[in-house]
């Protein structure tokens, strides 16, 4: 198997089409990195919202059980 390029400078020159090739590479990688960043940030925000909702639901349940306990204690007196 023979290498496609004789040296690293030939590789980076891309047979005279370096501008177009590397521009295409950059214009592909930027959206991919953007997508990864968006996904990570969205996941963090979603998990924070889930934790916040679960905390709220626990507080509501605790308040209801406390109200029910104090109501039951008031009836027995």
PDB file of N, CA and C in Angstrom:
ATOM      1  N   UNK A   1       0.848  -1.164   0.000  1.00  0.00           N
ATOM      2  CA  UNK A   1       0.000   0.000   0.000  1.00  0.00           C
ATOM      3  C   UNK A   1       0.903   1.239   0.000  1.00  0.00           C
ATOM      4  N   UNK A   2       0.624   2.155  -0.903  1.00  0.00           N
ATOM      5  CA  UNK A   2       1.436   3.368  -0.994  1.00  0.00           C
ATOM      6  C   UNK A   2       0.697   4.534  -0.332  1.00  0.00           C
ATOM      7  N   UNK A   3       1.443   5.420   0.316  1.00  0.00           N
ATOM      8  CA  UNK A   3       0.786   6.565   0.956  1.00  0.00           C
ATOM      9  C   UNK A   3       0.268   7.544  -0.093  1.00  0.00           C
ATOM     10  N   UNK A   4      -0.804   8.218   0.234  1.00  0.00           N
ATOM     11  CA  UNK A   4      -1.402   9.174  -0.693  1.00  0.00           C
ATOM     12  C   UNK A   4      -0.573  10.449  -0.796  1.00  0.00           C
ATOM     13  N   UNK A   5       0.154  10.788   0.276  1.00  0.00           N
ATOM     14  CA  UNK A   5       0.948  12.011   0.297  1.00  0.00           C
ATOM     15  C   UNK A   5       2.377  11.668   0.673  1.00  0.00           C
ATOM     16  N   UNK A   6       3.329  12.313   0.009  1.00  0.00           N
ATOM     17  CA  UNK A   6       4.741  12.028   0.246  1.00  0.00           C
ATOM     18  C   UNK A   6       5.245  12.666   1.538  1.00  0.00           C
ATOM     19  N   UNK A   7       4.641  13.775   1.960  1.00  0.00           N
ATOM     20  CA  UNK A   7       5.087  14.455   3.178  1.00  0.00           C
ATOM     21  C   UNK A   7       3.892  15.147   3.834  1.00  0.00           C
ATOM     22  N   UNK A   8       4.149  15.659   5.041  1.00  0.00           N
ATOM     23  CA  UNK A   8       3.094  16.368   5.751  1.00  0.00           C
ATOM     24  C   UNK A   8       2.699  17.650   5.028  1.00  0.00           C
ATOM     25  N   UNK A   9       3.674  18.310   4.419  1.00  0.00           N
ATOM     26  CA  UNK A   9       3.332  19.548   3.699  1.00  0.00           C
ATOM     27  C   UNK A   9       2.447  19.235   2.495  1.00  0.00           C
ATOM     28  N   UNK A  10       2.677  18.104   1.850  1.00  0.00           N
ATOM     29  CA  UNK A  10       1.791  17.688   0.755  1.00  0.00           C
ATOM     30  C   UNK A  10       0.385  17.369   1.266  1.00  0.00           C
ATOM     31  N   UNK A  11       0.353  16.770   2.451  1.00  0.00           N
ATOM     32  CA  UNK A  11      -0.941  16.462   3.046  1.00  0.00           C
ATOM     33  C   UNK A  11      -1.728  17.742   3.308  1.00  0.00           C
ATOM     34  N   UNK A  12      -1.069  18.726   3.930  1.00  0.00           N
ATOM     35  CA  UNK A  12      -1.766  19.975   4.241  1.00  0.00           C
ATOM     36  C   UNK A  12      -2.084  20.780   2.992  1.00  0.00           C
ATOM     37  N   UNK A  13      -1.315  20.616   1.926  1.00  0.00           N
ATOM     38  CA  UNK A  13      -1.591  21.325   0.669  1.00  0.00           C
ATOM     39  C   UNK A  13      -2.754  20.686  -0.088  1.00  0.00           C
ATOM     40  N   UNK A  14      -3.016  19.423   0.157  1.00  0.00           N
ATOM     41  CA  UNK A  14      -4.131  18.693  -0.454  1.00  0.00           C
ATOM     42  C   UNK A  14      -4.136  18.814  -1.984  1.00  0.00           C
ATOM     43  N   UNK A  15      -2.978  18.698  -2.554  1.00  0.00           N
ATOM     44  CA  UNK A  15      -2.885  18.701  -4.016  1.00  0.00           C
ATOM     45  C   UNK A  15      -3.306  20.026  -4.638  1.00  0.00           C
ATOM     46  N   UNK A  16      -3.130  21.118  -3.902  1.00  0.00           N
ATOM     47  CA  UNK A  16      -3.493  22.433  -4.423  1.00  0.00           C
ATOM     48  C   UNK A  16      -4.916  22.857  -4.069  1.00  0.00           C
ATOM     49  N   UNK A  17      -5.662  21.999  -3.422  1.00  0.00           N
ATOM     50  CA  UNK A  17      -7.047  22.307  -3.047  1.00  0.00           C
ATOM     51  C   UNK A  17      -7.200  22.513  -1.539  1.00  0.00           C
ATOM     52  N   UNK A  18      -6.133  22.889  -0.876  1.00  0.00           N
ATOM     53  CA  UNK A  18      -6.130  22.990   0.584  1.00  0.00           C
ATOM     54  C   UNK A  18      -7.200  23.951   1.093  1.00  0.00           C
ATOM     55  N   UNK A  19      -7.355  25.102   0.459  1.00  0.00           N
ATOM     56  CA  UNK A  19      -8.329  26.077   0.931  1.00  0.00           C
ATOM     57  C   UNK A  19      -9.727  25.465   0.966  1.00  0.00           C
ATOM     58  N   UNK A  20     -10.117  24.812  -0.082  1.00  0.00           N
ATOM     59  CA  UNK A  20     -11.467  24.244  -0.174  1.00  0.00           C
ATOM     60  C   UNK A  20     -11.642  23.045   0.751  1.00  0.00           C
ATOM     61  N   UNK A  21     -10.608  22.216   0.829  1.00  0.00           N
ATOM     62  CA  UNK A  21     -10.698  21.020   1.672  1.00  0.00           C
ATOM     63  C   UNK A  21     -10.771  21.412   3.141  1.00  0.00           C
ATOM     64  N   UNK A  22      -9.855  22.275   3.583  1.00  0.00           N
ATOM     65  CA  UNK A  22      -9.834  22.636   5.000  1.00  0.00           C
ATOM     66  C   UNK A  22     -11.026  23.517   5.370  1.00  0.00           C
ATOM     67  N   UNK A  23     -11.508  24.314   4.430  1.00  0.00           N
ATOM     68  CA  UNK A  23     -12.724  25.086   4.677  1.00  0.00           C
ATOM     69  C   UNK A  23     -13.912  24.141   4.893  1.00  0.00           C
ATOM     70  N   UNK A  24     -13.990  23.102   4.093  1.00  0.00           N
ATOM     71  CA  UNK A  24     -15.065  22.123   4.248  1.00  0.00           C
ATOM     72  C   UNK A  24     -14.947  21.390   5.582  1.00  0.00           C
ATOM     73  N   UNK A  25     -13.724  21.065   5.966  1.00  0.00           N
ATOM     74  CA  UNK A  25     -13.514  20.392   7.254  1.00  0.00           C
ATOM     75  C   UNK A  25     -13.951  21.295   8.399  1.00  0.00           C
ATOM     76  N   UNK A  26     -13.537  22.551   8.354  1.00  0.00           N
ATOM     77  CA  UNK A  26     -13.890  23.501   9.419  1.00  0.00           C
ATOM     78  C   UNK A  26     -15.396  23.730   9.459  1.00  0.00           C
ATOM     79  N   UNK A  27     -16.006  23.891   8.283  1.00  0.00           N
ATOM     80  CA  UNK A  27     -17.450  24.137   8.242  1.00  0.00           C
ATOM     81  C   UNK A  27     -18.261  22.899   8.617  1.00  0.00           C
ATOM     82  N   UNK A  28     -17.627  21.770   8.692  1.00  0.00           N
ATOM     83  CA  UNK A  28     -18.283  20.559   9.192  1.00  0.00           C
ATOM     84  C   UNK A  28     -18.099  20.427  10.694  1.00  0.00           C
ATOM     85  N   UNK A  29     -16.884  20.711  11.171  1.00  0.00           N
ATOM     86  CA  UNK A  29     -16.596  20.527  12.589  1.00  0.00           C
ATOM     87  C   UNK A  29     -17.274  21.569  13.478  1.00  0.00           C
ATOM     88  N   UNK A  30     -17.406  22.802  13.002  1.00  0.00           N
ATOM     89  CA  UNK A  30     -18.040  23.844  13.823  1.00  0.00           C
ATOM     90  C   UNK A  30     -19.475  23.473  14.197  1.00  0.00           C
ATOM     91  N   UNK A  31     -20.330  23.082  13.250  1.00  0.00           N
ATOM     92  CA  UNK A  31     -21.687  22.673  13.656  1.00  0.00           C
ATOM     93  C   UNK A  31     -21.700  21.428  14.546  1.00  0.00           C
ATOM     94  N   UNK A  32     -20.772  20.507  14.314  1.00  0.00           N
ATOM     95  CA  UNK A  32     -20.730  19.316  15.164  1.00  0.00           C
ATOM     96  C   UNK A  32     -20.374  19.682  16.601  1.00  0.00           C
ATOM     97  N   UNK A  33     -19.383  20.544  16.786  1.00  0.00           N
ATOM     98  CA  UNK A  33     -19.037  20.998  18.124  1.00  0.00           C
ATOM     99  C   UNK A  33     -20.192  21.791  18.734  1.00  0.00           C
ATOM    100  N   UNK A  34     -20.851  22.595  17.925  1.00  0.00           N
ATOM    101  CA  UNK A  34     -22.010  23.343  18.408  1.00  0.00           C
ATOM    102  C   UNK A  34     -23.121  22.412  18.873  1.00  0.00           C
ATOM    103  N   UNK A  35     -23.343  21.349  18.121  1.00  0.00           N
ATOM    104  CA  UNK A  35     -24.373  20.380  18.490  1.00  0.00           C
ATOM    105  C   UNK A  35     -24.027  19.673  19.795  1.00  0.00           C
ATOM    106  N   UNK A  36     -22.775  19.299  19.962  1.00  0.00           N
ATOM    107  CA  UNK A  36     -22.348  18.653  21.204  1.00  0.00           C
ATOM    108  C   UNK A  36     -22.514  19.609  22.378  1.00  0.00           C
ATOM    109  N   UNK A  37     -22.094  20.856  22.201  1.00  0.00           N
ATOM    110  CA  UNK A  37     -22.229  21.853  23.260  1.00  0.00           C
ATOM    111  C   UNK A  37     -23.698  22.082  23.620  1.00  0.00           C
ATOM    112  N   UNK A  38     -24.538  22.207  22.609  1.00  0.00           N
ATOM    113  CA  UNK A  38     -25.974  22.406  22.846  1.00  0.00           C
ATOM    114  C   UNK A  38     -26.564  21.222  23.597  1.00  0.00           C
ATOM    115  N   UNK A  39     -26.176  20.021  23.218  1.00  0.00           N
ATOM    116  CA  UNK A  39     -26.692  18.815  23.864  1.00  0.00           C
ATOM    117  C   UNK A  39     -26.273  18.767  25.335  1.00  0.00           C
ATOM    118  N   UNK A  40     -25.015  19.079  25.624  1.00  0.00           N
ATOM    119  CA  UNK A  40     -24.530  19.057  27.002  1.00  0.00           C
ATOM    120  C   UNK A  40     -25.260  20.102  27.845  1.00  0.00           C
ATOM    121  N   UNK A  41     -25.390  21.318  27.312  1.00  0.00           N
ATOM    122  CA  UNK A  41     -26.063  22.373  28.065  1.00  0.00           C
ATOM    123  C   UNK A  41     -27.545  22.064  28.263  1.00  0.00           C
ATOM    124  N   UNK A  42     -28.202  21.519  27.247  1.00  0.00           N
ATOM    125  CA  UNK A  42     -29.614  21.161  27.351  1.00  0.00           C
ATOM    126  C   UNK A  42     -29.810  20.057  28.384  1.00  0.00           C
ATOM    127  N   UNK A  43     -28.910  19.081  28.409  1.00  0.00           N
ATOM    128  CA  UNK A  43     -29.003  17.979  29.368  1.00  0.00           C
ATOM    129  C   UNK A  43     -28.864  18.507  30.788  1.00  0.00           C
ATOM    130  N   UNK A  44     -27.891  19.403  31.001  1.00  0.00           N
ATOM    131  CA  UNK A  44     -27.718  19.981  32.333  1.00  0.00           C
ATOM    132  C   UNK A  44     -28.967  20.733  32.769  1.00  0.00           C
ATOM    133  N   UNK A  45     -29.514  21.533  31.870  1.00  0.00           N
ATOM    134  CA  UNK A  45     -30.707  22.307  32.209  1.00  0.00           C
ATOM    135  C   UNK A  45     -31.889  21.386  32.493  1.00  0.00           C
ATOM    136  N   UNK A  46     -32.040  20.347  31.695  1.00  0.00           N
ATOM    137  CA  UNK A  46     -33.135  19.404  31.890  1.00  0.00           C
ATOM    138  C   UNK A  46     -33.012  18.679  33.226  1.00  0.00           C
ATOM    139  N   UNK A  47     -31.806  18.234  33.571  1.00  0.00           N
ATOM    140  CA  UNK A  47     -31.616  17.552  34.848  1.00  0.00           C
ATOM    141  C   UNK A  47     -31.855  18.500  36.022  1.00  0.00           C
ATOM    142  N   UNK A  48     -31.469  19.761  35.894  1.00  0.00           N
ATOM    143  CA  UNK A  48     -31.729  20.740  36.955  1.00  0.00           C
ATOM    144  C   UNK A  48     -33.220  20.955  37.115  1.00  0.00           C
ATOM    145  N   UNK A  49     -33.959  21.030  36.014  1.00  0.00           N
ATOM    146  CA  UNK A  49     -35.414  21.193  36.094  1.00  0.00           C
ATOM    147  C   UNK A  49     -36.071  19.982  36.735  1.00  0.00           C
ATOM    148  N   UNK A  50     -35.577  18.803  36.428  1.00  0.00           N
ATOM    149  CA  UNK A  50     -36.124  17.573  37.018  1.00  0.00           C
ATOM    150  C   UNK A  50     -35.879  17.564  38.529  1.00  0.00           C
ATOM    151  N   UNK A  51     -34.642  17.917  38.938  1.00  0.00           N
ATOM    152  CA  UNK A  51     -34.347  17.977  40.377  1.00  0.00           C
ATOM    153  C   UNK A  51     -35.226  19.001  41.078  1.00  0.00           C
ATOM    154  N   UNK A  52     -35.426  20.146  40.447  1.00  0.00           N
ATOM    155  CA  UNK A  52     -36.260  21.193  41.026  1.00  0.00           C
ATOM    156  C   UNK A  52     -37.708  20.724  41.156  1.00  0.00           C
ATOM    157  N   UNK A  53     -38.220  20.057  40.147  1.00  0.00           N
ATOM    158  CA  UNK A  53     -39.595  19.560  40.181  1.00  0.00           C
ATOM    159  C   UNK A  53     -39.755  18.485  41.261  1.00  0.00           C
ATOM    160  N   UNK A  54     -38.782  17.582  41.373  1.00  0.00           N
ATOM    161  CA  UNK A  54     -38.860  16.537  42.391  1.00  0.00           C
ATOM    162  C   UNK A  54     -38.810  17.143  43.796  1.00  0.00           C
ATOM    163  N   UNK A  55     -37.967  18.148  43.976  1.00  0.00           N
ATOM    164  CA  UNK A  55     -37.892  18.820  45.272  1.00  0.00           C
ATOM    165  C   UNK A  55     -39.217  19.484  45.613  1.00  0.00           C
ATOM    166  N   UNK A  56     -39.822  20.130  44.632  1.00  0.00           N
ATOM    167  CA  UNK A  56     -41.116  20.778  44.849  1.00  0.00           C
ATOM    168  C   UNK A  56     -42.184  19.751  45.219  1.00  0.00           C
ATOM    169  N   UNK A  57     -42.195  18.625  44.508  1.00  0.00           N
ATOM    170  CA  UNK A  57     -43.180  17.585  44.800  1.00  0.00           C
ATOM    171  C   UNK A  57     -42.982  17.008  46.198  1.00  0.00           C
ATOM    172  N   UNK A  58     -41.716  16.855  46.636  1.00  0.00           N
ATOM    173  CA  UNK A  58     -41.455  16.363  47.991  1.00  0.00           C
ATOM    174  C   UNK A  58     -41.967  17.358  49.034  1.00  0.00           C
ATOM    175  N   UNK A  59     -41.744  18.649  48.801  1.00  0.00           N
ATOM    176  CA  UNK A  59     -42.230  19.675  49.736  1.00  0.00           C
ATOM    177  C   UNK A  59     -43.754  19.670  49.808  1.00  0.00           C
ATOM    178  N   UNK A  60     -44.401  19.494  48.656  1.00  0.00           N
ATOM    179  CA  UNK A  60     -45.871  19.462  48.632  1.00  0.00           C
ATOM    180  C   UNK A  60     -46.375  18.252  49.401  1.00  0.00           C
ATOM    181  N   UNK A  61     -45.762  17.076  49.161  1.00  0.00           N
ATOM    182  CA  UNK A  61     -46.175  15.867  49.877  1.00  0.00           C
ATOM    183  C   UNK A  61     -45.952  16.006  51.383  1.00  0.00           C
ATOM    184  N   UNK A  62     -44.816  16.598  51.780  1.00  0.00           N
ATOM    185  CA  UNK A  62     -44.529  16.791  53.205  1.00  0.00           C
ATOM    186  C   UNK A  62     -45.546  17.736  53.824  1.00  0.00           C
ATOM    187  N   UNK A  63     -45.898  18.788  53.118  1.00  0.00           N
ATOM    188  CA  UNK A  63     -46.886  19.742  53.650  1.00  0.00           C
ATOM    189  C   UNK A  63     -48.249  19.076  53.773  1.00  0.00           C
ATOM    190  N   UNK A  64     -48.627  18.259  52.814  1.00  0.00           N
ATOM    191  CA  UNK A  64     -49.930  17.572  52.879  1.00  0.00           C
ATOM    192  C   UNK A  64     -49.964  16.579  54.035  1.00  0.00           C
ATOM    193  N   UNK A  65     -48.874  15.823  54.205  1.00  0.00           N
ATOM    194  CA  UNK A  65     -48.857  14.841  55.286  1.00  0.00           C
ATOM    195  C   UNK A  65     -48.837  15.547  56.644  1.00  0.00           C
ATOM    196  N   UNK A  66     -48.137  16.677  56.733  1.00  0.00           N
ATOM    197  CA  UNK A  66     -48.120  17.436  57.987  1.00  0.00           C
ATOM    198  C   UNK A  66     -49.507  17.993  58.289  1.00  0.00           C
ATOM    199  N   UNK A  67     -50.192  18.474  57.260  1.00  0.00           N
ATOM    200  CA  UNK A  67     -51.542  19.007  57.433  1.00  0.00           C
ATOM    201  C   UNK A  67     -52.513  17.897  57.844  1.00  0.00           C
ATOM    202  N   UNK A  68     -52.343  16.730  57.198  1.00  0.00           N
ATOM    203  CA  UNK A  68     -53.219  15.605  57.527  1.00  0.00           C
ATOM    204  C   UNK A  68     -52.950  15.132  58.960  1.00  0.00           C
ATOM    205  N   UNK A  69     -51.680  15.117  59.372  1.00  0.00           N
ATOM    206  CA  UNK A  69     -51.333  14.683  60.734  1.00  0.00           C
ATOM    207  C   UNK A  69     -51.868  15.668  61.763  1.00  0.00           C
ATOM    208  N   UNK A  70     -51.745  16.956  61.466  1.00  0.00           N
ATOM    209  CA  UNK A  70     -52.248  17.932  62.438  1.00  0.00           C
ATOM    210  C   UNK A  70     -53.783  17.934  62.455  1.00  0.00           C
ATOM    211  N   UNK A  71     -54.411  17.645  61.322  1.00  0.00           N
ATOM    212  CA  UNK A  71     -55.861  17.533  61.278  1.00  0.00           C
ATOM    213  C   UNK A  71     -56.356  16.326  62.056  1.00  0.00           C
ATOM    214  N   UNK A  72     -55.641  15.210  61.939  1.00  0.00           N
ATOM    215  CA  UNK A  72     -56.017  14.009  62.656  1.00  0.00           C
ATOM    216  C   UNK A  72     -55.791  14.181  64.158  1.00  0.00           C
ATOM    217  N   UNK A  73     -54.746  14.877  64.549  1.00  0.00           N
ATOM    218  CA  UNK A  73     -54.469  15.115  65.960  1.00  0.00           C
ATOM    219  C   UNK A  73     -55.504  16.058  66.545  1.00  0.00           C
ATOM    220  N   UNK A  74     -55.962  17.020  65.760  1.00  0.00           N
ATOM    221  CA  UNK A  74     -56.973  17.966  66.225  1.00  0.00           C
ATOM    222  C   UNK A  74     -58.313  17.292  66.422  1.00  0.00           C
ATOM    223  N   UNK A  75     -58.646  16.293  65.628  1.00  0.00           N
ATOM    224  CA  UNK A  75     -59.926  15.614  65.744  1.00  0.00           C
ATOM    225  C   UNK A  75     -59.956  14.705  66.965  1.00  0.00           C
ATOM    226  N   UNK A  76     -58.812  14.121  67.324  1.00  0.00           N
ATOM    227  CA  UNK A  76     -58.813  13.182  68.433  1.00  0.00           C
ATOM    228  C   UNK A  76     -58.847  13.883  69.776  1.00  0.00           C
ATOM    229  N   UNK A  77     -58.541  15.153  69.834  1.00  0.00           N
ATOM    230  CA  UNK A  77     -58.543  15.881  71.112  1.00  0.00           C
ATOM    231  C   UNK A  77     -59.908  16.292  71.515  1.00  0.00           C
TER     232      UNK A  77
END
